[in-house]
Amino acid sequence: MNLIKVVLLVMIAMYLTGCFFTKAITVPMRGVGAMISGVGAVISVIPVAGNIADDALEEVDDAIDEVADTIDKVPI
């Protein structure tokens, strides 16, 4: 009976570790992406060049989100 409890506990710990691992990587990535997006919003105040910079930074934010989504789908 104790062996079953230990095995069950180890299996649960392994499952949670994988989930925690992917979140520990992707949450900071998404934070950086949001910060880049905020910088783009401030830069967009500059006429003409600001809009181009804002669009470029939005693309970077979208790329970071896409990579983070891909990492979240990894079955660890």
Foldseek 3Di string as FASTA:
>chain_A
DVVVVVVVVVVVVVQVVLQVVLCVPLVVLLVVLVVLLVVLVVQLVPPPVSPVSNVVSPVVSVVSVVVSVVSNPDRD
